[in-house]
Amino acid sequence: MTRFLVVLTDVRPAEGEVRDERTCPERRRQVLGAGSRAAADRIAGAFMALGMVRAGRQRVKVIAVGRGRPTSPDR
């Protein structure tokens, strides 16, 4: 089973040509876990209604984590 993280971050100005989230991630404001993509989308939708997100000062990210092993049909 795939789990999802919904992350609300501050938008920072670009420092050069390329942004690399692995070496310098944006500051996290809120992180919530969800057990399904539908639940993650509902949480993200609620975050997107916030004034700071609508004004472009914050952004919402949905990240898939913890991908489970596929199960065979005979199990």
C-alpha atoms as a PDB file:
ATOM      1  CA  MET A   1       0.000   0.000   0.000  1.00  0.00           C
ATOM      2  CA  THR A   2       1.348   3.398  -0.950  1.00  0.00           C
ATOM      3  CA  ARG A   3       1.210   6.130   1.647  1.00  0.00           C
ATOM      4  CA  PHE A   4       1.221   9.818   0.821  1.00  0.00           C
ATOM      5  CA  LEU A   5       2.545  12.943   2.485  1.00  0.00           C
ATOM      6  CA  VAL A   6       0.877  16.287   1.925  1.00  0.00           C
ATOM      7  CA  VAL A   7       3.377  19.084   2.543  1.00  0.00           C
ATOM      8  CA  LEU A   8       2.683  22.809   2.850  1.00  0.00           C
ATOM      9  CA  THR A   9       5.878  24.810   2.213  1.00  0.00           C
ATOM     10  CA  ASP A  10       6.971  28.425   1.912  1.00  0.00           C
ATOM     11  CA  VAL A  11       7.859  29.534  -1.600  1.00  0.00           C
ATOM     12  CA  ARG A  12      11.370  30.944  -1.713  1.00  0.00           C
ATOM     13  CA  PRO A  13      12.870  33.082  -4.422  1.00  0.00           C
ATOM     14  CA  ALA A  14      14.941  31.253  -7.020  1.00  0.00           C
ATOM     15  CA  GLU A  15      18.648  31.334  -6.223  1.00  0.00           C
ATOM     16  CA  GLY A  16      20.102  30.941  -9.688  1.00  0.00           C
ATOM     17  CA  GLU A  17      18.892  28.860 -12.587  1.00  0.00           C
ATOM     18  CA  VAL A  18      18.036  25.547 -10.897  1.00  0.00           C
ATOM     19  CA  ARG A  19      16.215  24.653  -7.684  1.00  0.00           C
ATOM     20  CA  ASP A  20      17.365  21.445  -6.048  1.00  0.00           C
ATOM     21  CA  GLU A  21      14.948  20.278  -3.363  1.00  0.00           C
ATOM     22  CA  ARG A  22      17.370  17.541  -2.271  1.00  0.00           C
ATOM     23  CA  THR A  23      20.178  19.893  -1.256  1.00  0.00           C
ATOM     24  CA  CYS A  24      18.146  22.935  -0.180  1.00  0.00           C
ATOM     25  CA  PRO A  25      14.453  22.123   0.413  1.00  0.00           C
ATOM     26  CA  GLU A  26      11.811  24.754   1.009  1.00  0.00           C
ATOM     27  CA  ARG A  27      10.795  25.417   4.618  1.00  0.00           C
ATOM     28  CA  ARG A  28       7.944  23.133   5.668  1.00  0.00           C
ATOM     29  CA  ARG A  29       4.928  24.672   7.397  1.00  0.00           C
ATOM     30  CA  GLN A  30       2.753  21.575   7.765  1.00  0.00           C
ATOM     31  CA  VAL A  31       3.136  17.873   6.956  1.00  0.00           C
ATOM     32  CA  LEU A  32       0.232  15.417   7.037  1.00  0.00           C
ATOM     33  CA  GLY A  33       0.094  11.727   6.163  1.00  0.00           C
ATOM     34  CA  ALA A  34      -2.657  10.044   4.163  1.00  0.00           C
ATOM     35  CA  GLY A  35      -3.372   6.380   3.468  1.00  0.00           C
ATOM     36  CA  SER A  36      -4.769   6.861  -0.042  1.00  0.00           C
ATOM     37  CA  ARG A  37      -4.359   9.193  -2.987  1.00  0.00           C
ATOM     38  CA  ALA A  38      -7.973  10.333  -2.651  1.00  0.00           C
ATOM     39  CA  ALA A  39      -7.428  11.334   0.979  1.00  0.00           C
ATOM     40  CA  ALA A  40      -4.196  13.141   0.062  1.00  0.00           C
ATOM     41  CA  ASP A  41      -5.999  15.029  -2.707  1.00  0.00           C
ATOM     42  CA  ARG A  42      -8.738  16.130  -0.280  1.00  0.00           C
ATOM     43  CA  ILE A  43      -6.143  17.420   2.203  1.00  0.00           C
ATOM     44  CA  ALA A  44      -4.233  19.173  -0.599  1.00  0.00           C
ATOM     45  CA  GLY A  45      -7.459  20.781  -1.792  1.00  0.00           C
ATOM     46  CA  ALA A  46      -8.080  22.181   1.677  1.00  0.00           C
ATOM     47  CA  PHE A  47      -4.544  23.575   1.797  1.00  0.00           C
ATOM     48  CA  MET A  48      -4.988  25.134  -1.663  1.00  0.00           C
ATOM     49  CA  ALA A  49      -7.912  27.173  -0.332  1.00  0.00           C
ATOM     50  CA  LEU A  50      -5.606  28.991   2.113  1.00  0.00           C
ATOM     51  CA  GLY A  51      -4.918  32.644   1.347  1.00  0.00           C
ATOM     52  CA  MET A  52      -1.123  32.269   1.441  1.00  0.00           C
ATOM     53  CA  VAL A  53      -1.288  29.469  -1.154  1.00  0.00           C
ATOM     54  CA  ARG A  54      -3.680  31.399  -3.361  1.00  0.00           C
ATOM     55  CA  ALA A  55      -1.388  34.451  -3.150  1.00  0.00           C
ATOM     56  CA  GLY A  56       1.608  32.363  -4.262  1.00  0.00           C
ATOM     57  CA  ARG A  57       3.569  32.624  -1.000  1.00  0.00           C
ATOM     58  CA  GLN A  58       3.133  28.962  -0.072  1.00  0.00           C
ATOM     59  CA  ARG A  59       2.746  25.784  -2.125  1.00  0.00           C
ATOM     60  CA  VAL A  60       1.227  22.328  -1.607  1.00  0.00           C
ATOM     61  CA  LYS A  61       3.052  19.126  -2.550  1.00  0.00           C
ATOM     62  CA  VAL A  62       1.692  15.555  -2.565  1.00  0.00           C
ATOM     63  CA  ILE A  63       4.478  12.984  -2.256  1.00  0.00           C
ATOM     64  CA  ALA A  64       4.095   9.192  -2.560  1.00  0.00           C
ATOM     65  CA  VAL A  65       6.140   7.313   0.058  1.00  0.00           C
ATOM     66  CA  GLY A  66       6.351   3.742   1.329  1.00  0.00           C
ATOM     67  CA  ARG A  67       5.346   1.874  -1.778  1.00  0.00           C
ATOM     68  CA  GLY A  68       4.319  -1.615  -0.737  1.00  0.00           C
ATOM     69  CA  ARG A  69       5.104  -4.880  -2.443  1.00  0.00           C
ATOM     70  CA  PRO A  70       2.621  -5.882  -5.136  1.00  0.00           C
ATOM     71  CA  THR A  71       0.451  -8.802  -4.073  1.00  0.00           C
ATOM     72  CA  SER A  72      -0.264 -11.713  -6.330  1.00  0.00           C
ATOM     73  CA  PRO A  73      -3.943 -12.524  -7.098  1.00  0.00           C
ATOM     74  CA  ASP A  74      -3.737 -15.972  -5.433  1.00  0.00           C
ATOM     75  CA  ARG A  75      -2.949 -14.540  -1.966  1.00  0.00           C
END
